[in-house]
Amino acid sequence: MLGDFGIAKVLDSTQDLAKTCIGTPYYMSPELFKYEPYDFKSDIWSLGCCLYEICTFKHAFDAKSFQALAVKILKGNYNKISGRYSKELKKLIYSLMKVEPENRPSMIQIFKIPKVQIETIKYVNKIIASKSKDVS
């Protein structure tokens, strides 16, 4: 489980856009570097960066300066993930890290991916099984 609500902002509706530029630079979406309003698609980008890092043990985007980091992110310039991972996982991560926000999937689209559904059901069943053991 991941969570970091230190800079969270409550939006009034799903159509709202935030305008502040704050966050961990390694996970900042291209729209933040362009000082454009952003929405949940920026979080989708960050999720992609986190999954990339889990697979590679490296930041997707790394540079010696903030400006160089911005250039890499704005161009979507990162190393591909090794062949050790499934095509489905790599395809998912690459879709989350599309430079244009409108090309990134929504969470609903992500949960419609068969492999994501299967793994989610397995995880929920595991949680339910462990909770039922705690009760008995």
N, C-alpha and C. Protein backbone atom coordinates (compact mmCIF):
# COMPACT_ATOMS: atom_id res chain seq x y z
N MET A 1 0.84 -1.18 0.00
CA MET A 1 0.00 0.00 0.00
C MET A 1 0.89 1.24 0.00
N LEU A 2 0.45 2.24 -0.77
CA LEU A 2 1.19 3.49 -0.86
C LEU A 2 0.28 4.63 -0.45
N GLY A 3 0.85 5.62 0.16
CA GLY A 3 0.07 6.80 0.50
C GLY A 3 0.97 7.95 0.88
N ASP A 4 0.62 9.14 0.41
CA ASP A 4 1.35 10.36 0.76
C ASP A 4 0.37 11.51 0.58
N PHE A 5 -0.24 11.91 1.68
CA PHE A 5 -1.25 12.97 1.60
C PHE A 5 -0.74 14.30 2.14
N GLY A 6 0.56 14.46 2.21
CA GLY A 6 1.14 15.69 2.74
C GLY A 6 0.79 16.92 1.95
N ILE A 7 0.51 16.75 0.66
CA ILE A 7 0.18 17.91 -0.18
C ILE A 7 -1.15 17.70 -0.88
N ALA A 8 -2.01 16.85 -0.32
CA ALA A 8 -3.28 16.53 -0.95
C ALA A 8 -4.17 17.76 -1.03
N LYS A 9 -5.00 17.78 -2.06
CA LYS A 9 -5.95 18.88 -2.26
C LYS A 9 -7.30 18.26 -2.57
N VAL A 10 -8.34 18.73 -1.91
CA VAL A 10 -9.69 18.25 -2.17
C VAL A 10 -10.26 19.08 -3.32
N LEU A 11 -10.73 18.38 -4.36
CA LEU A 11 -11.37 19.05 -5.47
C LEU A 11 -12.88 18.92 -5.30
N ASP A 12 -13.62 19.95 -5.71
CA ASP A 12 -15.07 19.94 -5.52
C ASP A 12 -15.80 18.94 -6.41
N SER A 13 -15.22 18.61 -7.56
CA SER A 13 -15.84 17.63 -8.44
C SER A 13 -14.77 16.96 -9.29
N THR A 14 -15.19 15.94 -10.01
CA THR A 14 -14.23 15.24 -10.87
C THR A 14 -13.81 16.09 -12.06
N GLN A 15 -14.51 17.16 -12.32
CA GLN A 15 -14.18 18.04 -13.44
C GLN A 15 -13.21 19.15 -13.04
N ASP A 16 -12.97 19.29 -11.72
CA ASP A 16 -12.07 20.34 -11.23
C ASP A 16 -10.63 20.06 -11.62
N LEU A 17 -9.86 21.11 -11.76
CA LEU A 17 -8.43 21.01 -12.04
C LEU A 17 -7.68 21.74 -10.95
N ALA A 18 -6.58 21.18 -10.50
CA ALA A 18 -5.73 21.85 -9.53
C ALA A 18 -4.70 22.67 -10.29
N LYS A 19 -4.11 23.67 -9.61
CA LYS A 19 -3.18 24.56 -10.29
C LYS A 19 -1.87 24.76 -9.53
N THR A 20 -1.69 24.12 -8.39
CA THR A 20 -0.44 24.30 -7.64
C THR A 20 0.64 23.41 -8.23
N CYS A 21 1.87 23.83 -8.11
CA CYS A 21 3.00 23.04 -8.63
C CYS A 21 3.84 22.61 -7.44
N ILE A 22 3.54 21.44 -6.92
CA ILE A 22 4.24 20.93 -5.75
C ILE A 22 4.25 19.41 -5.83
N GLY A 23 5.24 18.80 -5.28
CA GLY A 23 5.31 17.35 -5.28
C GLY A 23 6.75 16.88 -5.39
N THR A 24 6.93 15.57 -5.35
CA THR A 24 8.26 14.99 -5.50
C THR A 24 8.63 15.06 -6.97
N PRO A 25 9.69 15.73 -7.34
CA PRO A 25 10.01 15.95 -8.76
C PRO A 25 10.09 14.68 -9.60
N TYR A 26 10.59 13.57 -9.04
CA TYR A 26 10.71 12.34 -9.82
C TYR A 26 9.37 11.83 -10.34
N TYR A 27 8.30 12.19 -9.67
CA TYR A 27 6.98 11.66 -10.02
C TYR A 27 6.06 12.72 -10.60
N MET A 28 6.59 13.91 -10.82
CA MET A 28 5.77 15.01 -11.35
C MET A 28 5.44 14.76 -12.82
N SER A 29 4.21 15.01 -13.18
CA SER A 29 3.75 14.79 -14.55
C SER A 29 4.19 15.95 -15.45
N PRO A 30 4.21 15.71 -16.75
CA PRO A 30 4.60 16.77 -17.69
C PRO A 30 3.76 18.04 -17.55
N GLU A 31 2.47 17.87 -17.28
CA GLU A 31 1.61 19.06 -17.17
C GLU A 31 2.01 19.95 -15.99
N LEU A 32 2.56 19.37 -14.93
CA LEU A 32 3.04 20.18 -13.81
C LEU A 32 4.25 21.02 -14.21
N PHE A 33 5.14 20.42 -15.00
CA PHE A 33 6.31 21.17 -15.45
C PHE A 33 5.94 22.28 -16.43
N LYS A 34 4.78 22.14 -17.09
CA LYS A 34 4.32 23.17 -18.02
C LYS A 34 3.43 24.20 -17.32
N TYR A 35 3.27 24.04 -16.00
CA TYR A 35 2.42 24.93 -15.20
C TYR A 35 1.00 24.96 -15.73
N GLU A 36 0.53 23.82 -16.20
CA GLU A 36 -0.84 23.70 -16.70
C GLU A 36 -1.73 23.16 -15.58
N PRO A 37 -3.01 23.47 -15.63
CA PRO A 37 -3.92 22.85 -14.66
C PRO A 37 -3.88 21.33 -14.85
N TYR A 38 -4.10 20.59 -13.78
CA TYR A 38 -4.02 19.14 -13.86
C TYR A 38 -5.15 18.52 -13.06
N ASP A 39 -5.38 17.25 -13.33
CA ASP A 39 -6.42 16.51 -12.63
C ASP A 39 -5.90 15.12 -12.26
N PHE A 40 -6.79 14.14 -12.12
CA PHE A 40 -6.40 12.81 -11.68
C PHE A 40 -5.42 12.14 -12.64
N LYS A 41 -5.34 12.59 -13.89
CA LYS A 41 -4.42 11.99 -14.84
C LYS A 41 -2.96 12.22 -14.41
N SER A 42 -2.73 13.25 -13.63
CA SER A 42 -1.40 13.49 -13.08
C SER A 42 -1.07 12.41 -12.05
N ASP A 43 -2.06 11.98 -11.30
CA ASP A 43 -1.87 10.88 -10.35
C ASP A 43 -1.62 9.56 -11.08
N ILE A 44 -2.27 9.39 -12.22
CA ILE A 44 -2.05 8.20 -13.04
C ILE A 44 -0.58 8.16 -13.48
N TRP A 45 -0.06 9.31 -13.90
CA TRP A 45 1.36 9.41 -14.28
C TRP A 45 2.25 8.97 -13.11
N SER A 46 1.97 9.51 -11.92
CA SER A 46 2.77 9.18 -10.73
C SER A 46 2.70 7.69 -10.40
N LEU A 47 1.52 7.11 -10.57
CA LEU A 47 1.37 5.67 -10.37
C LEU A 47 2.28 4.91 -11.34
N GLY A 48 2.30 5.35 -12.59
CA GLY A 48 3.20 4.73 -13.57
C GLY A 48 4.65 4.82 -13.15
N CYS A 49 5.04 5.98 -12.64
CA CYS A 49 6.42 6.16 -12.17
C CYS A 49 6.73 5.23 -11.00
N CYS A 50 5.77 5.06 -10.09
CA CYS A 50 5.97 4.16 -8.94
C CYS A 50 6.09 2.71 -9.39
N LEU A 51 5.21 2.28 -10.29
CA LEU A 51 5.27 0.90 -10.79
C LEU A 51 6.57 0.66 -11.55
N TYR A 52 7.00 1.65 -12.33
CA TYR A 52 8.27 1.55 -13.04
C TYR A 52 9.41 1.33 -12.03
N GLU A 53 9.40 2.11 -10.98
CA GLU A 53 10.46 2.02 -9.97
C GLU A 53 10.42 0.68 -9.24
N ILE A 54 9.25 0.16 -8.98
CA ILE A 54 9.12 -1.15 -8.34
C ILE A 54 9.75 -2.23 -9.22
N CYS A 55 9.57 -2.12 -10.52
CA CYS A 55 10.10 -3.12 -11.46
C CYS A 55 11.60 -2.97 -11.69
N THR A 56 12.10 -1.76 -11.71
CA THR A 56 13.49 -1.53 -12.12
C THR A 56 14.42 -1.15 -10.98
N PHE A 57 13.86 -0.80 -9.84
CA PHE A 57 14.63 -0.31 -8.69
C PHE A 57 15.32 1.02 -9.01
N LYS A 58 14.80 1.73 -10.00
CA LYS A 58 15.35 3.04 -10.41
C LYS A 58 14.20 3.98 -10.71
N HIS A 59 14.46 5.28 -10.55
CA HIS A 59 13.48 6.27 -10.98
C HIS A 59 13.36 6.19 -12.50
N ALA A 60 12.14 6.37 -13.00
CA ALA A 60 11.95 6.40 -14.45
C ALA A 60 12.71 7.57 -15.06
N PHE A 61 12.71 8.67 -14.33
CA PHE A 61 13.37 9.89 -14.80
C PHE A 61 14.35 10.32 -13.72
N ASP A 62 15.60 10.51 -14.12
CA ASP A 62 16.62 10.92 -13.17
C ASP A 62 17.56 11.88 -13.88
N ALA A 63 18.01 12.88 -13.18
CA ALA A 63 18.92 13.86 -13.77
C ALA A 63 19.66 14.57 -12.65
N LYS A 64 20.71 15.28 -13.02
CA LYS A 64 21.53 15.98 -12.03
C LYS A 64 20.96 17.34 -11.64
N SER A 65 19.99 17.83 -12.41
CA SER A 65 19.37 19.12 -12.06
C SER A 65 17.87 19.04 -12.30
N PHE A 66 17.16 19.95 -11.67
CA PHE A 66 15.71 20.03 -11.83
C PHE A 66 15.36 20.30 -13.30
N GLN A 67 16.11 21.17 -13.95
CA GLN A 67 15.84 21.52 -15.35
C GLN A 67 16.04 20.30 -16.27
N ALA A 68 17.11 19.54 -16.04
CA ALA A 68 17.37 18.35 -16.85
C ALA A 68 16.29 17.29 -16.61
N LEU A 69 15.83 17.19 -15.37
CA LEU A 69 14.75 16.27 -15.05
C LEU A 69 13.48 16.68 -15.78
N ALA A 70 13.19 17.96 -15.79
CA ALA A 70 12.00 18.47 -16.48
C ALA A 70 12.04 18.12 -17.96
N VAL A 71 13.19 18.30 -18.58
CA VAL A 71 13.32 18.00 -20.01
C VAL A 71 13.04 16.52 -20.27
N LYS A 72 13.60 15.64 -19.46
CA LYS A 72 13.37 14.20 -19.63
C LYS A 72 11.89 13.86 -19.48
N ILE A 73 11.26 14.42 -18.48
CA ILE A 73 9.84 14.14 -18.24
C ILE A 73 8.99 14.70 -19.37
N LEU A 74 9.26 15.92 -19.79
CA LEU A 74 8.47 16.53 -20.86
C LEU A 74 8.58 15.75 -22.18
N LYS A 75 9.72 15.11 -22.38
CA LYS A 75 9.91 14.30 -23.60
C LYS A 75 9.47 12.84 -23.39
N GLY A 76 9.18 12.46 -22.14
CA GLY A 76 8.84 11.07 -21.85
C GLY A 76 10.02 10.15 -22.11
N ASN A 77 11.21 10.65 -21.80
CA ASN A 77 12.46 9.95 -22.11
C ASN A 77 12.92 9.11 -20.92
N TYR A 78 12.63 7.80 -20.98
CA TYR A 78 13.06 6.88 -19.92
C TYR A 78 13.45 5.54 -20.55
N ASN A 79 14.24 4.76 -19.82
CA ASN A 79 14.67 3.44 -20.31
C ASN A 79 13.50 2.46 -20.24
N LYS A 80 13.45 1.57 -21.20
CA LYS A 80 12.40 0.55 -21.21
C LYS A 80 12.64 -0.46 -20.09
N ILE A 81 11.58 -1.13 -19.69
CA ILE A 81 11.64 -2.13 -18.64
C ILE A 81 12.14 -3.45 -19.24
N SER A 82 12.94 -4.20 -18.49
CA SER A 82 13.55 -5.44 -18.99
C SER A 82 12.49 -6.46 -19.38
N GLY A 83 12.93 -7.41 -20.18
CA GLY A 83 12.05 -8.46 -20.66
C GLY A 83 11.57 -9.42 -19.60
N ARG A 84 12.05 -9.29 -18.40
CA ARG A 84 11.70 -10.20 -17.32
C ARG A 84 10.23 -10.07 -16.89
N TYR A 85 9.61 -8.94 -17.20
CA TYR A 85 8.22 -8.70 -16.81
C TYR A 85 7.27 -8.99 -17.97
N SER A 86 6.03 -9.26 -17.64
CA SER A 86 5.04 -9.61 -18.66
C SER A 86 4.77 -8.42 -19.60
N LYS A 87 4.35 -8.76 -20.80
CA LYS A 87 3.98 -7.72 -21.77
C LYS A 87 2.83 -6.87 -21.22
N GLU A 88 1.90 -7.52 -20.51
CA GLU A 88 0.75 -6.80 -19.96
C GLU A 88 1.18 -5.74 -18.95
N LEU A 89 2.12 -6.11 -18.07
CA LEU A 89 2.58 -5.16 -17.07
C LEU A 89 3.31 -3.99 -17.72
N LYS A 90 4.21 -4.31 -18.65
CA LYS A 90 4.95 -3.24 -19.32
C LYS A 90 4.01 -2.33 -20.11
N LYS A 91 3.05 -2.92 -20.78
CA LYS A 91 2.07 -2.13 -21.55
C LYS A 91 1.29 -1.20 -20.62
N LEU A 92 0.89 -1.72 -19.46
CA LEU A 92 0.17 -0.90 -18.48
C LEU A 92 1.02 0.27 -18.03
N ILE A 93 2.26 0.00 -17.63
CA ILE A 93 3.15 1.06 -17.13
C ILE A 93 3.37 2.11 -18.21
N TYR A 94 3.65 1.67 -19.43
CA TYR A 94 3.90 2.62 -20.52
C TYR A 94 2.65 3.46 -20.80
N SER A 95 1.45 2.87 -20.65
CA SER A 95 0.23 3.65 -20.89
C SER A 95 0.02 4.69 -19.78
N LEU A 96 0.43 4.37 -18.56
CA LEU A 96 0.29 5.31 -17.45
C LEU A 96 1.24 6.50 -17.62
N MET A 97 2.35 6.28 -18.33
CA MET A 97 3.38 7.30 -18.47
C MET A 97 3.36 7.97 -19.85
N LYS A 98 2.19 8.06 -20.46
CA LYS A 98 2.05 8.80 -21.71
C LYS A 98 2.21 10.28 -21.40
N VAL A 99 2.94 10.99 -22.23
CA VAL A 99 3.21 12.41 -21.98
C VAL A 99 1.92 13.23 -21.99
N GLU A 100 1.03 12.96 -22.93
CA GLU A 100 -0.23 13.70 -23.01
C GLU A 100 -1.25 13.07 -22.06
N PRO A 101 -1.78 13.85 -21.12
CA PRO A 101 -2.70 13.29 -20.12
C PRO A 101 -3.92 12.59 -20.72
N GLU A 102 -4.43 13.11 -21.83
CA GLU A 102 -5.62 12.49 -22.44
C GLU A 102 -5.32 11.10 -23.00
N ASN A 103 -4.06 10.76 -23.15
CA ASN A 103 -3.69 9.43 -23.65
C ASN A 103 -3.47 8.42 -22.52
N ARG A 104 -3.52 8.89 -21.27
CA ARG A 104 -3.38 7.99 -20.12
C ARG A 104 -4.75 7.40 -19.77
N PRO A 105 -4.78 6.17 -19.28
CA PRO A 105 -6.07 5.57 -18.91
C PRO A 105 -6.60 6.15 -17.60
N SER A 106 -7.89 6.00 -17.42
CA SER A 106 -8.51 6.33 -16.13
C SER A 106 -8.41 5.09 -15.24
N MET A 107 -8.73 5.23 -13.97
CA MET A 107 -8.72 4.07 -13.08
C MET A 107 -9.76 3.05 -13.51
N ILE A 108 -10.89 3.52 -14.02
CA ILE A 108 -11.92 2.59 -14.51
C ILE A 108 -11.35 1.76 -15.66
N GLN A 109 -10.65 2.41 -16.58
CA GLN A 109 -10.05 1.68 -17.70
C GLN A 109 -8.99 0.70 -17.20
N ILE A 110 -8.22 1.10 -16.21
CA ILE A 110 -7.19 0.21 -15.65
C ILE A 110 -7.84 -1.03 -15.04
N PHE A 111 -8.93 -0.83 -14.29
CA PHE A 111 -9.59 -1.97 -13.65
C PHE A 111 -10.38 -2.83 -14.62
N LYS A 112 -10.51 -2.41 -15.86
CA LYS A 112 -11.15 -3.24 -16.90
C LYS A 112 -10.14 -4.16 -17.57
N ILE A 113 -8.85 -3.99 -17.29
CA ILE A 113 -7.82 -4.86 -17.86
C ILE A 113 -7.94 -6.23 -17.19
N PRO A 114 -8.13 -7.29 -17.98
CA PRO A 114 -8.35 -8.63 -17.39
C PRO A 114 -7.31 -9.03 -16.34
N LYS A 115 -6.05 -8.84 -16.60
CA LYS A 115 -5.00 -9.23 -15.65
C LYS A 115 -5.13 -8.43 -14.35
N VAL A 116 -5.47 -7.16 -14.44
CA VAL A 116 -5.66 -6.33 -13.24
C VAL A 116 -6.86 -6.85 -12.45
N GLN A 117 -7.93 -7.20 -13.15
CA GLN A 117 -9.11 -7.75 -12.47
C GLN A 117 -8.76 -9.04 -11.74
N ILE A 118 -8.05 -9.93 -12.41
CA ILE A 118 -7.68 -11.22 -11.80
C ILE A 118 -6.83 -11.01 -10.55
N GLU A 119 -5.81 -10.16 -10.66
CA GLU A 119 -4.92 -9.91 -9.52
C GLU A 119 -5.65 -9.19 -8.38
N THR A 120 -6.57 -8.31 -8.72
CA THR A 120 -7.35 -7.60 -7.70
C THR A 120 -8.24 -8.58 -6.94
N ILE A 121 -8.88 -9.47 -7.66
CA ILE A 121 -9.74 -10.48 -7.02
C ILE A 121 -8.91 -11.39 -6.12
N LYS A 122 -7.75 -11.81 -6.60
CA LYS A 122 -6.86 -12.65 -5.77
C LYS A 122 -6.49 -11.92 -4.48
N TYR A 123 -6.14 -10.64 -4.61
CA TYR A 123 -5.72 -9.85 -3.45
C TYR A 123 -6.89 -9.70 -2.46
N VAL A 124 -8.06 -9.38 -2.96
CA VAL A 124 -9.23 -9.21 -2.08
C VAL A 124 -9.55 -10.53 -1.39
N ASN A 125 -9.51 -11.63 -2.11
CA ASN A 125 -9.77 -12.94 -1.51
C ASN A 125 -8.75 -13.26 -0.42
N LYS A 126 -7.50 -12.91 -0.66
CA LYS A 126 -6.44 -13.13 0.34
C LYS A 126 -6.73 -12.32 1.61
N ILE A 127 -7.15 -11.08 1.44
CA ILE A 127 -7.49 -10.22 2.59
C ILE A 127 -8.68 -10.80 3.36
N ILE A 128 -9.69 -11.21 2.62
CA ILE A 128 -10.88 -11.78 3.27
C ILE A 128 -10.50 -13.05 4.04
N ALA A 129 -9.67 -13.89 3.43
CA ALA A 129 -9.25 -15.14 4.10
C ALA A 129 -8.46 -14.84 5.38
N SER A 130 -7.57 -13.84 5.32
CA SER A 130 -6.79 -13.53 6.52
C SER A 130 -7.67 -12.92 7.60
N LYS A 131 -8.67 -12.13 7.22
CA LYS A 131 -9.58 -11.54 8.22
C LYS A 131 -10.45 -12.60 8.86
N SER A 132 -10.88 -13.60 8.06
CA SER A 132 -11.72 -14.65 8.64
C SER A 132 -10.91 -15.53 9.61
N LYS A 133 -9.61 -15.67 9.39
CA LYS A 133 -8.75 -16.41 10.33
C LYS A 133 -8.62 -15.63 11.63
N ASP A 134 -8.57 -14.28 11.52
CA ASP A 134 -8.45 -13.44 12.72
C ASP A 134 -9.68 -13.55 13.61
N VAL A 135 -10.85 -13.73 13.00
CA VAL A 135 -12.11 -13.79 13.72
C VAL A 135 -12.25 -15.12 14.46
N SER A 136 -11.76 -16.20 13.86
CA SER A 136 -11.93 -17.52 14.48
C SER A 136 -10.97 -17.81 15.58
